[in-house]
N, C-alpha and C. Protein backbone atom coordinates (compact mmCIF):
# COMPACT_ATOMS: atom_id res chain seq x y z
N MET A 1 -41.55 -4.48 20.46
CA MET A 1 -40.47 -4.74 19.52
C MET A 1 -39.98 -3.42 18.93
N SER A 2 -38.70 -3.31 18.72
CA SER A 2 -38.11 -2.11 18.13
C SER A 2 -38.44 -2.04 16.65
N GLU A 3 -38.44 -0.80 16.15
CA GLU A 3 -38.63 -0.62 14.72
C GLU A 3 -37.47 -1.25 13.97
N ILE A 4 -37.80 -1.77 12.81
CA ILE A 4 -36.74 -2.35 11.96
C ILE A 4 -36.42 -1.32 10.89
N ASP A 5 -35.36 -0.57 11.14
CA ASP A 5 -34.86 0.42 10.20
C ASP A 5 -33.40 0.70 10.55
N ALA A 6 -32.83 1.71 9.95
CA ALA A 6 -31.40 1.98 10.14
C ALA A 6 -31.05 2.35 11.57
N THR A 7 -32.02 2.75 12.38
CA THR A 7 -31.69 3.09 13.77
C THR A 7 -31.23 1.87 14.56
N VAL A 8 -31.46 0.69 14.01
CA VAL A 8 -30.97 -0.52 14.67
C VAL A 8 -29.45 -0.45 14.83
N LEU A 9 -28.76 0.22 13.92
CA LEU A 9 -27.31 0.36 14.03
C LEU A 9 -26.92 1.21 15.24
N ASP A 10 -27.67 2.26 15.49
CA ASP A 10 -27.39 3.08 16.67
C ASP A 10 -27.64 2.30 17.96
N ARG A 11 -28.71 1.52 17.98
CA ARG A 11 -29.01 0.71 19.16
C ARG A 11 -27.96 -0.37 19.36
N LEU A 12 -27.54 -1.00 18.26
CA LEU A 12 -26.51 -2.03 18.36
C LEU A 12 -25.19 -1.42 18.83
N TYR A 13 -24.85 -0.24 18.31
CA TYR A 13 -23.62 0.42 18.74
C TYR A 13 -23.65 0.67 20.25
N ALA A 14 -24.78 1.13 20.77
CA ALA A 14 -24.89 1.39 22.21
C ALA A 14 -24.66 0.10 23.00
N THR A 15 -25.19 -1.00 22.52
CA THR A 15 -24.99 -2.29 23.19
C THR A 15 -23.53 -2.71 23.13
N VAL A 16 -22.94 -2.57 21.94
CA VAL A 16 -21.52 -2.93 21.75
C VAL A 16 -20.65 -2.10 22.68
N ALA A 17 -20.84 -0.79 22.69
CA ALA A 17 -20.03 0.10 23.51
C ALA A 17 -20.18 -0.24 25.00
N ALA A 18 -21.36 -0.63 25.40
CA ALA A 18 -21.60 -0.98 26.81
C ALA A 18 -20.88 -2.26 27.22
N ARG A 19 -20.52 -3.08 26.25
CA ARG A 19 -19.84 -4.34 26.54
C ARG A 19 -18.33 -4.17 26.70
N LYS A 20 -17.83 -2.97 26.49
CA LYS A 20 -16.39 -2.72 26.51
C LYS A 20 -15.72 -3.19 27.80
N GLY A 21 -16.36 -3.04 28.92
CA GLY A 21 -15.75 -3.47 30.17
C GLY A 21 -16.38 -4.72 30.74
N ALA A 22 -17.18 -5.40 29.93
CA ALA A 22 -17.90 -6.59 30.42
C ALA A 22 -16.97 -7.80 30.56
N ASP A 23 -17.52 -8.84 31.13
CA ASP A 23 -16.79 -10.09 31.36
C ASP A 23 -16.64 -10.85 30.05
N PRO A 24 -15.41 -11.08 29.58
CA PRO A 24 -15.20 -11.80 28.32
C PRO A 24 -15.67 -13.26 28.37
N ASP A 25 -15.91 -13.78 29.57
CA ASP A 25 -16.42 -15.15 29.67
C ASP A 25 -17.92 -15.22 29.38
N THR A 26 -18.59 -14.07 29.43
CA THR A 26 -20.03 -14.06 29.19
C THR A 26 -20.43 -13.20 28.00
N SER A 27 -19.47 -12.52 27.34
CA SER A 27 -19.79 -11.64 26.23
C SER A 27 -18.76 -11.79 25.11
N TYR A 28 -19.24 -12.20 23.93
CA TYR A 28 -18.36 -12.31 22.77
C TYR A 28 -17.76 -10.95 22.44
N THR A 29 -18.57 -9.90 22.55
CA THR A 29 -18.09 -8.55 22.26
C THR A 29 -16.97 -8.16 23.21
N ALA A 30 -17.15 -8.43 24.50
CA ALA A 30 -16.10 -8.13 25.48
C ALA A 30 -14.83 -8.92 25.18
N LYS A 31 -15.02 -10.15 24.72
CA LYS A 31 -13.87 -10.99 24.36
C LYS A 31 -13.10 -10.37 23.19
N LEU A 32 -13.83 -9.84 22.20
CA LEU A 32 -13.17 -9.16 21.08
C LEU A 32 -12.39 -7.94 21.56
N PHE A 33 -13.03 -7.12 22.40
CA PHE A 33 -12.33 -5.95 22.93
C PHE A 33 -11.06 -6.37 23.67
N GLY A 34 -11.14 -7.46 24.42
CA GLY A 34 -10.00 -7.94 25.18
C GLY A 34 -8.84 -8.41 24.32
N LYS A 35 -9.15 -8.85 23.10
CA LYS A 35 -8.10 -9.33 22.19
C LYS A 35 -7.44 -8.20 21.42
N GLY A 36 -8.04 -7.02 21.47
CA GLY A 36 -7.40 -5.85 20.86
C GLY A 36 -7.83 -5.56 19.44
N ARG A 37 -7.40 -4.40 18.99
CA ARG A 37 -7.79 -3.90 17.68
C ARG A 37 -7.37 -4.80 16.53
N GLY A 38 -6.22 -5.43 16.64
CA GLY A 38 -5.77 -6.32 15.56
C GLY A 38 -6.76 -7.45 15.32
N LYS A 39 -7.23 -8.06 16.39
CA LYS A 39 -8.20 -9.16 16.26
C LYS A 39 -9.54 -8.64 15.76
N ILE A 40 -9.94 -7.48 16.25
CA ILE A 40 -11.20 -6.88 15.80
C ILE A 40 -11.12 -6.62 14.29
N ALA A 41 -10.03 -6.04 13.84
CA ALA A 41 -9.84 -5.75 12.41
C ALA A 41 -9.80 -7.04 11.60
N GLN A 42 -9.16 -8.06 12.14
CA GLN A 42 -9.10 -9.36 11.45
C GLN A 42 -10.51 -9.92 11.26
N LYS A 43 -11.33 -9.87 12.31
CA LYS A 43 -12.70 -10.37 12.22
C LYS A 43 -13.50 -9.57 11.21
N LEU A 44 -13.29 -8.26 11.17
CA LEU A 44 -13.97 -7.42 10.20
C LEU A 44 -13.60 -7.85 8.78
N GLY A 45 -12.32 -8.11 8.56
CA GLY A 45 -11.86 -8.57 7.26
C GLY A 45 -12.46 -9.91 6.88
N GLU A 46 -12.51 -10.83 7.83
CA GLU A 46 -13.09 -12.15 7.58
C GLU A 46 -14.56 -12.03 7.17
N GLU A 47 -15.30 -11.19 7.90
CA GLU A 47 -16.71 -11.02 7.59
C GLU A 47 -16.90 -10.36 6.23
N SER A 48 -16.00 -9.46 5.88
CA SER A 48 -16.05 -8.83 4.57
C SER A 48 -15.89 -9.87 3.46
N VAL A 49 -14.90 -10.73 3.62
CA VAL A 49 -14.67 -11.79 2.63
C VAL A 49 -15.87 -12.72 2.55
N GLU A 50 -16.44 -13.08 3.70
CA GLU A 50 -17.60 -13.97 3.70
C GLU A 50 -18.80 -13.32 3.01
N THR A 51 -18.93 -12.00 3.14
CA THR A 51 -20.00 -11.29 2.45
C THR A 51 -19.78 -11.34 0.95
N VAL A 52 -18.54 -11.15 0.53
CA VAL A 52 -18.21 -11.22 -0.90
C VAL A 52 -18.50 -12.62 -1.45
N ILE A 53 -18.15 -13.65 -0.70
CA ILE A 53 -18.40 -15.03 -1.14
C ILE A 53 -19.89 -15.25 -1.36
N GLU A 54 -20.71 -14.80 -0.42
CA GLU A 54 -22.16 -14.96 -0.57
C GLU A 54 -22.67 -14.18 -1.78
N ALA A 55 -22.09 -13.00 -2.02
CA ALA A 55 -22.48 -12.21 -3.19
C ALA A 55 -22.15 -12.95 -4.48
N MET A 56 -20.98 -13.57 -4.51
CA MET A 56 -20.57 -14.30 -5.71
C MET A 56 -21.43 -15.54 -5.94
N LYS A 57 -21.99 -16.07 -4.87
CA LYS A 57 -22.91 -17.21 -4.98
C LYS A 57 -24.33 -16.75 -5.29
N ASP A 58 -24.54 -15.44 -5.31
CA ASP A 58 -25.85 -14.84 -5.55
C ASP A 58 -26.88 -15.35 -4.55
N ASP A 59 -26.44 -15.46 -3.28
CA ASP A 59 -27.29 -15.96 -2.20
C ASP A 59 -27.79 -14.78 -1.37
N ARG A 60 -29.01 -14.32 -1.66
CA ARG A 60 -29.56 -13.14 -0.97
C ARG A 60 -29.58 -13.33 0.54
N GLU A 61 -30.04 -14.46 1.02
CA GLU A 61 -30.10 -14.71 2.46
C GLU A 61 -28.69 -14.73 3.05
N GLY A 62 -27.76 -15.35 2.34
CA GLY A 62 -26.37 -15.38 2.80
C GLY A 62 -25.76 -13.98 2.84
N ILE A 63 -26.06 -13.18 1.82
CA ILE A 63 -25.56 -11.80 1.79
C ILE A 63 -26.12 -11.02 2.99
N ALA A 64 -27.41 -11.17 3.26
CA ALA A 64 -28.03 -10.47 4.38
C ALA A 64 -27.40 -10.90 5.70
N SER A 65 -27.22 -12.18 5.88
CA SER A 65 -26.65 -12.70 7.13
C SER A 65 -25.21 -12.25 7.33
N GLU A 66 -24.41 -12.38 6.30
CA GLU A 66 -23.01 -11.96 6.40
C GLU A 66 -22.88 -10.45 6.52
N SER A 67 -23.79 -9.71 5.88
CA SER A 67 -23.78 -8.25 6.01
C SER A 67 -24.06 -7.85 7.45
N ALA A 68 -24.98 -8.55 8.10
CA ALA A 68 -25.26 -8.27 9.52
C ALA A 68 -24.01 -8.51 10.36
N ASP A 69 -23.30 -9.62 10.09
CA ASP A 69 -22.06 -9.90 10.81
C ASP A 69 -21.01 -8.83 10.54
N LEU A 70 -20.92 -8.41 9.28
CA LEU A 70 -19.96 -7.38 8.88
C LEU A 70 -20.24 -6.06 9.60
N LEU A 71 -21.50 -5.66 9.62
CA LEU A 71 -21.85 -4.41 10.30
C LEU A 71 -21.59 -4.49 11.80
N TYR A 72 -21.91 -5.62 12.41
CA TYR A 72 -21.63 -5.80 13.84
C TYR A 72 -20.14 -5.61 14.12
N HIS A 73 -19.29 -6.29 13.35
CA HIS A 73 -17.85 -6.19 13.60
C HIS A 73 -17.32 -4.79 13.29
N LEU A 74 -17.93 -4.10 12.32
CA LEU A 74 -17.56 -2.71 12.05
C LEU A 74 -17.89 -1.83 13.25
N LEU A 75 -19.04 -2.06 13.87
CA LEU A 75 -19.41 -1.29 15.05
C LEU A 75 -18.48 -1.58 16.22
N VAL A 76 -18.02 -2.81 16.34
CA VAL A 76 -17.05 -3.14 17.39
C VAL A 76 -15.76 -2.35 17.15
N LEU A 77 -15.32 -2.28 15.90
CA LEU A 77 -14.12 -1.51 15.58
C LEU A 77 -14.32 -0.04 15.91
N TRP A 78 -15.47 0.52 15.53
CA TRP A 78 -15.75 1.92 15.84
C TRP A 78 -15.68 2.15 17.34
N ALA A 79 -16.34 1.29 18.11
CA ALA A 79 -16.36 1.46 19.57
C ALA A 79 -14.95 1.35 20.14
N ASP A 80 -14.16 0.43 19.61
CA ASP A 80 -12.78 0.29 20.09
C ASP A 80 -11.97 1.55 19.81
N ALA A 81 -12.26 2.18 18.69
CA ALA A 81 -11.53 3.40 18.29
C ALA A 81 -12.14 4.66 18.91
N GLY A 82 -13.23 4.51 19.65
CA GLY A 82 -13.89 5.67 20.23
C GLY A 82 -14.64 6.51 19.21
N LEU A 83 -14.94 5.90 18.08
CA LEU A 83 -15.63 6.58 16.98
C LEU A 83 -17.14 6.37 17.14
N LYS A 84 -17.89 7.44 17.18
CA LYS A 84 -19.34 7.36 17.34
C LYS A 84 -20.01 7.27 15.97
N PRO A 85 -21.11 6.54 15.87
CA PRO A 85 -21.80 6.45 14.58
C PRO A 85 -22.14 7.81 13.98
N ASP A 86 -22.50 8.79 14.82
CA ASP A 86 -22.83 10.11 14.31
C ASP A 86 -21.69 10.72 13.50
N GLU A 87 -20.45 10.39 13.86
CA GLU A 87 -19.31 10.90 13.10
C GLU A 87 -19.28 10.33 11.69
N VAL A 88 -19.64 9.06 11.57
CA VAL A 88 -19.69 8.41 10.25
C VAL A 88 -20.89 8.92 9.47
N TRP A 89 -22.05 9.04 10.17
CA TRP A 89 -23.24 9.53 9.49
C TRP A 89 -22.98 10.95 8.94
N ALA A 90 -22.24 11.77 9.68
CA ALA A 90 -21.92 13.12 9.22
C ALA A 90 -21.06 13.08 7.95
N LYS A 91 -20.12 12.15 7.91
CA LYS A 91 -19.29 12.01 6.70
C LYS A 91 -20.17 11.63 5.51
N LEU A 92 -21.09 10.69 5.74
CA LEU A 92 -21.98 10.27 4.65
C LEU A 92 -22.88 11.42 4.21
N ALA A 93 -23.43 12.16 5.18
CA ALA A 93 -24.31 13.29 4.86
C ALA A 93 -23.57 14.36 4.06
N ALA A 94 -22.30 14.59 4.41
CA ALA A 94 -21.51 15.60 3.70
C ALA A 94 -21.26 15.20 2.26
N ARG A 95 -21.26 13.91 2.00
CA ARG A 95 -21.02 13.41 0.64
C ARG A 95 -22.31 13.28 -0.17
N GLU A 96 -23.45 13.38 0.50
CA GLU A 96 -24.73 13.19 -0.16
C GLU A 96 -24.88 14.20 -1.30
N GLY A 97 -25.28 13.70 -2.45
CA GLY A 97 -25.47 14.56 -3.61
C GLY A 97 -24.21 14.84 -4.38
N THR A 98 -23.08 14.29 -3.92
CA THR A 98 -21.81 14.48 -4.61
C THR A 98 -21.48 13.19 -5.36
N SER A 99 -21.07 13.35 -6.60
CA SER A 99 -20.66 12.19 -7.38
C SER A 99 -19.54 11.46 -6.66
N GLY A 100 -19.61 10.14 -6.65
CA GLY A 100 -18.55 9.34 -6.04
C GLY A 100 -17.20 9.63 -6.67
N LEU A 101 -17.18 9.87 -7.96
CA LEU A 101 -15.92 10.18 -8.64
C LEU A 101 -15.37 11.53 -8.18
N THR A 102 -16.25 12.51 -8.03
CA THR A 102 -15.84 13.83 -7.56
C THR A 102 -15.33 13.76 -6.12
N GLU A 103 -16.08 13.04 -5.27
CA GLU A 103 -15.69 12.91 -3.86
C GLU A 103 -14.32 12.23 -3.74
N LYS A 104 -14.13 11.17 -4.49
CA LYS A 104 -12.86 10.45 -4.43
C LYS A 104 -11.71 11.33 -4.91
N ALA A 105 -11.93 12.10 -5.95
CA ALA A 105 -10.89 12.99 -6.48
C ALA A 105 -10.53 14.10 -5.51
N SER A 106 -11.48 14.46 -4.62
CA SER A 106 -11.23 15.55 -3.68
C SER A 106 -10.37 15.10 -2.48
N ARG A 107 -10.22 13.79 -2.29
CA ARG A 107 -9.41 13.31 -1.17
C ARG A 107 -7.93 13.55 -1.45
N LYS A 108 -7.17 13.67 -0.39
CA LYS A 108 -5.72 13.85 -0.54
C LYS A 108 -5.13 12.62 -1.22
N GLN A 109 -4.22 12.87 -2.12
CA GLN A 109 -3.53 11.78 -2.82
C GLN A 109 -2.32 11.36 -2.00
N ASP A 110 -2.10 10.04 -1.90
CA ASP A 110 -0.93 9.51 -1.18
C ASP A 110 0.31 9.58 -2.01
């Protein structure tokens, strides 16, 4: 059995990315890729809302389950965009030790 820690995200990403050219009749992930980025983003949004609903119900198990769905769909979006987890981890590492308020203020203003 694999270790249960944050590396599960890297392993899941590898599985998701490998499904990019798979048969959509046998892979939900391949089916999402086939429907395009709009559908992938829509599913990510739906899972985000479902996670919020579980949080508002104060349902720990529901939050955990919906968070897993949310992370899966986020990884599908990353793979569709050609974005590797290491790129996101680097962004997080660069922000480590920086106040969230300071980091947000340093971003370009629209």
